[in-house]
């Protein structure tokens, strides 16, 4: 039987996230957008009530929630501010390599610290390597019981506030995909340097910087999995992070739709409310169709890893659809508001600016289609 109903626990978690979004994030969203500040206090409060690092198991001090609960939380946080939501999600993202490939010793060392408040960053993209993951230039050379990391990373969310970094580097560049490895680098390691902070169009509450690693020595124990496991780790993480990020897009689109409904109810044109104009009501009806469809795709892709199913195609479908959908819905919301929609006095212009990045990070919409096509034509 197919059942789209939520458990009572899931409903409670979603309600907790909804209240947090309404009371703690929404009132400050415009401020963070204007100042480009990192939401330190929001992070602290989210940590206190269990909305941060939700994927860490109970045996390490975490809440042990699943990916389905993660997407429920993310939709509500994204509804209030996708920049804040993305920053919080990156903590979950940075935990996944440890959870999937870390030794028991590594998990016991790092996960309790993360539960206590350590922030993480996922250092994969580089100045010359975004969608082309295999194009990274960062290297990690063995030196006795250590590795020495050299290279630069680009567009690293939480980079300037992180306490640790999941860094992808080549231990054998000639082996391409099979020579990439993943390492944990602590912020205090000598040679770790935060670079330029990006002045972004949207999601400005999200800290995004370049990172530089110059002769950074780390213990051999900070290698996750084995040498050469890095590309596999990154792909397995994407299967979990893409549904989570897509859920934030659903939240942004839902907010744009709700703002459009409110405005179309209050605003009059030609002697009657806007929603009685068919051109407007049909636009908002299409918003509802697309939000519902995206949510169901996200839910499906979130549930599959929980049961051990492969979900590269489904995660890519959810990400591609949600990214296109949120751009369409927020653009139409600005259209519903007319000239007011183009003004910073109203919320929809921020939602539209925030929406664009969903088609770029966590794999561009074009890369998602490459993945989908590859899976469709893979020999069975």
Protein backbone atom coordinates (compact mmCIF):
# COMPACT_ATOMS: atom_id res chain seq x y z
CA UNK A 1 0.00 0.00 0.00
CA UNK A 2 1.21 3.51 -0.83
CA UNK A 3 0.70 5.86 2.10
CA UNK A 4 1.52 9.57 2.01
CA UNK A 5 0.41 10.21 5.58
CA UNK A 6 2.88 11.32 8.24
CA UNK A 7 3.36 9.71 11.63
CA UNK A 8 2.43 11.68 14.73
CA UNK A 9 6.13 12.17 15.48
CA UNK A 10 6.73 13.54 11.99
CA UNK A 11 3.80 15.93 12.36
CA UNK A 12 5.22 17.17 15.66
CA UNK A 13 8.66 17.67 14.13
CA UNK A 14 7.17 19.61 11.21
CA UNK A 15 5.13 21.75 13.60
CA UNK A 16 8.22 22.47 15.71
CA UNK A 17 10.12 23.56 12.59
CA UNK A 18 7.16 25.66 11.43
CA UNK A 19 6.94 27.56 14.71
CA UNK A 20 10.71 28.08 14.76
CA UNK A 21 10.61 29.41 11.20
CA UNK A 22 7.77 31.81 12.00
CA UNK A 23 9.11 33.15 15.29
CA UNK A 24 12.91 32.96 14.99
CA UNK A 25 13.76 33.19 11.27
CA UNK A 26 11.05 35.14 9.47
CA UNK A 27 11.32 38.33 11.59
CA UNK A 28 15.06 38.53 10.85
CA UNK A 29 15.12 37.33 7.23
CA UNK A 30 15.12 40.80 5.68
CA UNK A 31 17.84 41.99 8.04
CA UNK A 32 20.18 39.14 7.13
CA UNK A 33 19.45 39.67 3.45
CA UNK A 34 20.46 43.32 3.72
CA UNK A 35 23.48 42.94 6.02
CA UNK A 36 24.79 39.62 4.71
CA UNK A 37 25.33 38.53 8.31
CA UNK A 38 25.58 34.92 9.42
CA UNK A 39 22.65 33.95 11.70
CA UNK A 40 24.68 32.85 14.74
CA UNK A 41 21.84 33.23 17.24
CA UNK A 42 19.42 31.27 15.07
CA UNK A 43 21.97 28.44 14.86
CA UNK A 44 22.30 28.42 18.64
CA UNK A 45 18.55 28.26 19.19
CA UNK A 46 18.08 25.59 16.51
CA UNK A 47 20.77 23.49 18.17
CA UNK A 48 19.06 23.80 21.56
CA UNK A 49 15.70 22.51 20.32
CA UNK A 50 17.06 19.75 18.08
CA UNK A 51 16.64 21.24 14.59
CA UNK A 52 20.35 21.19 13.77
CA UNK A 53 22.43 18.10 12.93
CA UNK A 54 19.27 16.03 12.85
CA UNK A 55 20.95 13.10 11.06
CA UNK A 56 23.38 12.25 13.88
CA UNK A 57 22.38 8.98 15.63
CA UNK A 58 21.39 8.88 19.28
CA UNK A 59 24.47 6.87 20.30
CA UNK A 60 26.59 9.94 19.49
CA UNK A 61 24.24 12.37 21.22
CA UNK A 62 22.09 13.30 18.23
CA UNK A 63 18.37 13.05 17.56
CA UNK A 64 18.79 10.26 15.03
CA UNK A 65 16.13 11.51 12.65
CA UNK A 66 15.83 10.19 9.12
CA UNK A 67 16.05 11.94 5.77
CA UNK A 68 12.25 12.19 5.61
CA UNK A 69 12.21 14.22 8.84
CA UNK A 70 15.06 16.32 7.48
CA UNK A 71 13.05 17.32 4.39
CA UNK A 72 9.99 18.12 6.52
CA UNK A 73 12.12 20.48 8.61
CA UNK A 74 13.80 22.02 5.58
CA UNK A 75 10.56 22.93 3.82
CA UNK A 76 9.45 24.94 6.85
CA UNK A 77 12.84 26.63 7.30
CA UNK A 78 13.02 27.42 3.59
CA UNK A 79 9.57 28.99 3.79
CA UNK A 80 11.00 31.62 6.16
CA UNK A 81 14.46 32.16 4.61
CA UNK A 82 16.28 29.81 2.27
CA UNK A 83 19.64 31.40 3.11
CA UNK A 84 19.29 30.45 6.77
CA UNK A 85 17.86 27.05 5.82
CA UNK A 86 20.75 26.32 3.45
CA UNK A 87 23.30 27.21 6.13
CA UNK A 88 21.62 24.85 8.58
CA UNK A 89 21.35 22.11 5.96
CA UNK A 90 25.08 22.30 5.23
CA UNK A 91 25.70 21.07 8.76
CA UNK A 92 23.69 17.96 7.92
CA UNK A 93 25.53 17.73 4.59
CA UNK A 94 28.92 17.90 6.30
CA UNK A 95 27.90 15.12 8.67
CA UNK A 96 27.05 12.65 5.91
CA UNK A 97 30.62 11.71 4.87
CA UNK A 98 31.38 10.89 8.49
CA UNK A 99 28.17 8.91 8.91
CA UNK A 100 28.62 7.00 5.66
CA UNK A 101 32.37 6.33 5.69
CA UNK A 102 33.92 7.32 9.00
CA UNK A 103 35.48 4.74 11.28
CA UNK A 104 33.96 4.21 14.70
CA UNK A 105 36.91 6.09 16.18
CA UNK A 106 36.29 9.04 13.85
CA UNK A 107 32.58 9.10 14.63
CA UNK A 108 33.24 9.12 18.37
CA UNK A 109 35.76 11.92 17.97
CA UNK A 110 33.78 14.26 15.72
CA UNK A 111 30.03 13.60 16.04
CA UNK A 112 29.65 14.47 19.76
CA UNK A 113 31.48 17.76 19.12
CA UNK A 114 29.10 18.52 16.26
CA UNK A 115 26.13 17.79 18.51
CA UNK A 116 27.60 20.24 21.03
CA UNK A 117 27.78 22.99 18.42
CA UNK A 118 30.60 22.44 15.95
CA UNK A 119 29.73 23.72 12.48
CA UNK A 120 30.74 21.98 9.31
CA UNK A 121 31.49 22.92 5.71
CA UNK A 122 31.58 20.72 2.62
CA UNK A 123 34.65 21.59 0.55
CA UNK A 124 34.23 20.02 -2.87
CA UNK A 125 33.78 22.80 -5.50
CA UNK A 126 36.84 24.64 -6.79
CA UNK A 127 37.51 27.72 -8.94
CA UNK A 128 37.85 25.47 -12.03
CA UNK A 129 35.68 22.55 -10.93
CA UNK A 130 32.00 22.84 -10.08
CA UNK A 131 29.80 20.42 -12.00
CA UNK A 132 32.93 18.58 -13.16
CA UNK A 133 33.76 16.98 -9.82
CA UNK A 134 36.65 15.01 -11.29
CA UNK A 135 38.23 18.31 -12.36
CA UNK A 136 39.32 19.29 -8.84
CA UNK A 137 43.01 20.15 -8.41
CA UNK A 138 43.42 19.86 -4.63
CA UNK A 139 45.90 17.17 -3.63
CA UNK A 140 46.65 15.16 -0.49
CA UNK A 141 50.09 13.56 -0.26
CA UNK A 142 51.09 10.91 2.27
CA UNK A 143 53.83 11.98 4.66
CA UNK A 144 54.42 9.26 7.23
CA UNK A 145 51.36 9.12 9.48
CA UNK A 146 49.98 12.33 7.98
CA UNK A 147 48.54 13.73 4.78
CA UNK A 148 49.56 17.12 3.42
CA UNK A 149 46.74 18.96 1.66
CA UNK A 150 47.25 21.72 -0.89
CA UNK A 151 44.61 23.47 -2.96
CA UNK A 152 41.76 25.96 -3.06
CA UNK A 153 38.00 25.57 -2.82
CA UNK A 154 35.27 27.90 -4.05
CA UNK A 155 31.69 28.75 -3.01
CA UNK A 156 32.01 26.97 0.32
CA UNK A 157 28.90 27.48 2.45
CA UNK A 158 29.65 28.13 6.14
CA UNK A 159 33.34 28.32 5.26
CA UNK A 160 34.23 31.27 7.47
CA UNK A 161 32.30 29.99 10.50
CA UNK A 162 33.00 26.25 10.26
CA UNK A 163 34.90 24.28 12.87
CA UNK A 164 35.68 21.44 10.47
CA UNK A 165 35.73 20.85 6.72
CA UNK A 166 35.04 17.77 4.62
CA UNK A 167 37.75 18.27 2.00
CA UNK A 168 37.92 16.32 -1.25
CA UNK A 169 41.39 15.93 -2.74
CA UNK A 170 43.33 13.66 -5.06
CA UNK A 171 45.61 11.10 -3.50
CA UNK A 172 46.24 9.69 -7.00
CA UNK A 173 45.42 12.20 -9.71
CA UNK A 174 46.26 9.81 -12.53
CA UNK A 175 43.43 7.53 -11.41
CA UNK A 176 40.82 10.32 -11.89
CA UNK A 177 37.56 9.29 -10.18
CA UNK A 178 39.27 6.35 -8.51
CA UNK A 179 42.01 8.54 -7.05
CA UNK A 180 39.89 11.05 -5.14
CA UNK A 181 39.72 10.85 -1.34
CA UNK A 182 37.83 12.63 1.44
CA UNK A 183 39.38 14.11 4.58
CA UNK A 184 38.31 15.87 7.75
CA UNK A 185 40.25 19.06 8.38
CA UNK A 186 39.81 21.02 11.59
CA UNK A 187 39.65 24.80 11.41
CA UNK A 188 42.67 25.32 13.64
CA UNK A 189 45.03 23.31 11.46
CA UNK A 190 48.02 25.34 10.30
CA UNK A 191 47.68 26.44 6.67
CA UNK A 192 43.86 26.65 6.58
CA UNK A 193 42.83 30.08 5.36
CA UNK A 194 39.44 31.65 4.64
CA UNK A 195 39.39 33.68 1.44
CA UNK A 196 36.97 36.05 -0.24
CA UNK A 197 33.37 36.24 0.93
CA UNK A 198 30.96 36.22 -2.01
CA UNK A 199 28.54 39.14 -2.42
CA UNK A 200 25.63 37.11 -3.73
CA UNK A 201 22.38 37.94 -5.50
CA UNK A 202 20.29 35.80 -3.15
CA UNK A 203 20.48 33.58 -0.07
CA UNK A 204 22.64 36.30 1.44
CA UNK A 205 22.27 35.00 5.00
CA UNK A 206 24.25 31.98 3.84
CA UNK A 207 27.99 32.42 4.39
CA UNK A 208 29.79 31.61 1.12
CA UNK A 209 33.57 31.94 0.80
CA UNK A 210 36.66 30.60 -0.90
CA UNK A 211 38.98 28.38 1.13
CA UNK A 212 42.70 27.82 0.83
CA UNK A 213 44.73 24.88 2.13
CA UNK A 214 48.50 25.39 2.08
CA UNK A 215 50.65 22.51 3.33
CA UNK A 216 47.94 21.51 5.79
CA UNK A 217 49.08 18.47 7.79
CA UNK A 218 46.31 16.23 9.10
CA UNK A 219 46.44 12.83 10.83
CA UNK A 220 46.09 9.74 8.66
CA UNK A 221 43.05 8.87 10.81
CA UNK A 222 41.21 11.86 9.28
CA UNK A 223 40.89 10.02 5.97
CA UNK A 224 37.28 8.90 5.54
CA UNK A 225 37.03 5.39 4.19
CA UNK A 226 39.99 4.34 2.07
CA UNK A 227 42.13 6.22 -0.42
CA UNK A 228 40.13 6.49 -3.63
CA UNK A 229 36.72 6.43 -1.91
CA UNK A 230 36.17 10.18 -2.27
CA UNK A 231 34.14 10.24 -5.47
CA UNK A 232 31.89 7.43 -4.24
CA UNK A 233 31.39 9.28 -0.94
CA UNK A 234 30.45 12.49 -2.78
CA UNK A 235 27.90 10.68 -4.96
CA UNK A 236 26.34 8.89 -1.99
CA UNK A 237 26.09 12.20 -0.15
CA UNK A 238 24.39 13.81 -3.17
CA UNK A 239 21.67 11.14 -3.05
CA UNK A 240 20.79 12.46 0.41
CA UNK A 241 21.59 16.16 0.08
CA UNK A 242 19.62 16.71 -3.13
CA UNK A 243 16.24 15.79 -1.59
CA UNK A 244 17.12 17.92 1.45
CA UNK A 245 18.00 20.98 -0.64
CA UNK A 246 14.99 20.42 -2.90
CA UNK A 247 12.75 20.56 0.16
CA UNK A 248 14.04 24.07 0.86
CA UNK A 249 13.02 25.02 -2.70
CA UNK A 250 9.54 23.68 -2.01
CA UNK A 251 9.35 25.89 1.06
CA UNK A 252 10.38 28.99 -0.92
CA UNK A 253 7.79 28.24 -3.61
CA UNK A 254 5.06 27.60 -1.05
CA UNK A 255 5.78 30.93 0.58
CA UNK A 256 5.61 32.70 -2.80
CA UNK A 257 2.28 31.03 -3.49
CA UNK A 258 0.86 31.98 -0.09
CA UNK A 259 1.99 35.59 -0.53
CA UNK A 260 0.34 35.62 -3.96
CA UNK A 261 -2.92 34.27 -2.58
CA UNK A 262 -2.94 36.91 0.15
CA UNK A 263 -2.19 39.74 -2.27
CA UNK A 264 -4.71 38.54 -4.87
CA UNK A 265 -7.37 38.46 -2.16
CA UNK A 266 -6.68 41.97 -0.86
CA UNK A 267 -5.84 43.80 -4.10
CA UNK A 268 -8.57 44.90 -6.49
CA UNK A 269 -8.42 45.59 -10.22
CA UNK A 270 -11.25 46.49 -12.58
CA UNK A 271 -13.63 46.60 -9.64
CA UNK A 272 -13.03 43.12 -8.22
CA UNK A 273 -10.35 41.17 -6.33
CA UNK A 274 -7.37 40.03 -8.37
CA UNK A 275 -8.14 36.37 -7.78
CA UNK A 276 -11.39 36.80 -9.74
CA UNK A 277 -9.29 37.70 -12.78
CA UNK A 278 -8.79 34.39 -14.58
CA UNK A 279 -5.29 35.28 -15.71
CA UNK A 280 -4.22 35.68 -12.07
CA UNK A 281 -6.17 32.76 -10.61
CA UNK A 282 -4.76 30.36 -13.20
CA UNK A 283 -1.20 31.47 -12.40
CA UNK A 284 -1.76 30.76 -8.73
CA UNK A 285 -3.46 27.44 -9.52
CA UNK A 286 -0.35 26.43 -11.47
CA UNK A 287 1.76 27.38 -8.45
CA UNK A 288 -0.26 24.95 -6.32
CA UNK A 289 0.10 22.17 -8.91
CA UNK A 290 3.86 22.57 -9.06
CA UNK A 291 4.42 22.89 -5.32
CA UNK A 292 2.44 19.70 -4.66
CA UNK A 293 4.22 17.80 -7.42
CA UNK A 294 7.66 18.89 -6.22
CA UNK A 295 6.89 17.94 -2.64
CA UNK A 296 5.85 14.42 -3.63
CA UNK A 297 9.01 13.96 -5.71
CA UNK A 298 11.10 15.14 -2.75
CA UNK A 299 9.33 12.82 -0.35
CA UNK A 300 9.83 9.83 -2.64
CA UNK A 301 13.54 10.52 -3.11
CA UNK A 302 13.96 11.05 0.65
CA UNK A 303 12.34 7.75 1.55
CA UNK A 304 14.38 5.60 -0.82
CA UNK A 305 17.79 5.80 0.95
CA UNK A 306 16.04 4.94 4.23
CA UNK A 307 15.10 1.53 2.77
CA UNK A 308 18.45 0.97 1.10
CA UNK A 309 17.20 1.64 -2.42
CA UNK A 310 19.38 3.31 -5.02
CA UNK A 311 17.98 6.75 -5.75
CA UNK A 312 20.44 8.68 -7.94
CA UNK A 313 17.79 9.09 -10.66
CA UNK A 314 14.96 9.93 -8.27
CA UNK A 315 17.07 12.44 -6.32
CA UNK A 316 18.11 14.09 -9.59
CA UNK A 317 14.49 14.22 -10.80
CA UNK A 318 13.38 15.84 -7.54
CA UNK A 319 16.24 18.36 -7.65
CA UNK A 320 15.74 19.29 -11.32
CA UNK A 321 11.98 19.66 -10.98
CA UNK A 322 12.12 21.58 -7.70
CA UNK A 323 14.79 23.97 -9.04
CA UNK A 324 12.81 24.77 -12.19
CA UNK A 325 9.57 24.94 -10.25
CA UNK A 326 10.75 27.40 -7.60
CA UNK A 327 12.11 29.78 -10.24
CA UNK A 328 8.81 29.67 -12.15
CA UNK A 329 6.65 30.10 -9.04
CA UNK A 330 8.64 33.01 -7.59
CA UNK A 331 8.81 34.76 -10.97
CA UNK A 332 5.06 34.41 -11.34
CA UNK A 333 4.60 35.70 -7.80
CA UNK A 334 6.43 38.88 -8.74
CA UNK A 335 4.12 39.12 -11.77
CA UNK A 336 1.02 38.76 -9.57
CA UNK A 337 2.24 41.66 -7.43
CA UNK A 338 2.94 43.76 -10.52
CA UNK A 339 5.09 46.81 -9.85
CA UNK A 340 4.95 46.15 -6.11
CA UNK A 341 6.53 42.75 -6.69
CA UNK A 342 9.63 44.47 -8.03
CA UNK A 343 9.95 46.53 -4.86
CA UNK A 344 12.00 45.47 -1.85
CA UNK A 345 9.07 46.58 0.29
CA UNK A 346 7.33 43.29 -0.54
CA UNK A 347 8.72 39.79 0.10
CA UNK A 348 8.43 38.22 -3.34
CA UNK A 349 11.45 39.97 -4.86
CA UNK A 350 13.69 38.34 -2.23
CA UNK A 351 12.06 34.98 -2.85
CA UNK A 352 12.80 35.32 -6.57
CA UNK A 353 16.44 36.24 -5.92
CA UNK A 354 16.81 33.36 -3.49
CA UNK A 355 15.28 30.89 -5.94
CA UNK A 356 17.88 31.06 -8.70
CA UNK A 357 20.65 29.26 -6.85
CA UNK A 358 18.64 26.02 -6.66
CA UNK A 359 19.36 25.46 -10.36
CA UNK A 360 23.09 25.83 -9.68
CA UNK A 361 24.25 24.32 -6.39
CA UNK A 362 24.14 20.64 -5.44
CA UNK A 363 24.57 19.99 -9.15
CA UNK A 364 23.16 22.27 -11.85
CA UNK A 365 19.83 21.48 -13.47
CA UNK A 366 21.78 20.43 -16.56
CA UNK A 367 23.86 17.96 -14.55
CA UNK A 368 20.67 16.52 -13.05
CA UNK A 369 19.46 15.80 -16.58
CA UNK A 370 22.77 14.15 -17.42
CA UNK A 371 22.28 11.87 -14.41
CA UNK A 372 18.66 11.12 -15.27
CA UNK A 373 19.51 10.29 -18.89
CA UNK A 374 22.45 8.13 -17.81
CA UNK A 375 20.23 6.13 -15.48
CA UNK A 376 17.48 5.77 -18.10
CA UNK A 377 19.87 4.37 -20.67
CA UNK A 378 21.97 2.26 -18.30
CA UNK A 379 21.95 -1.42 -19.40
CA UNK A 380 19.64 -3.46 -17.22
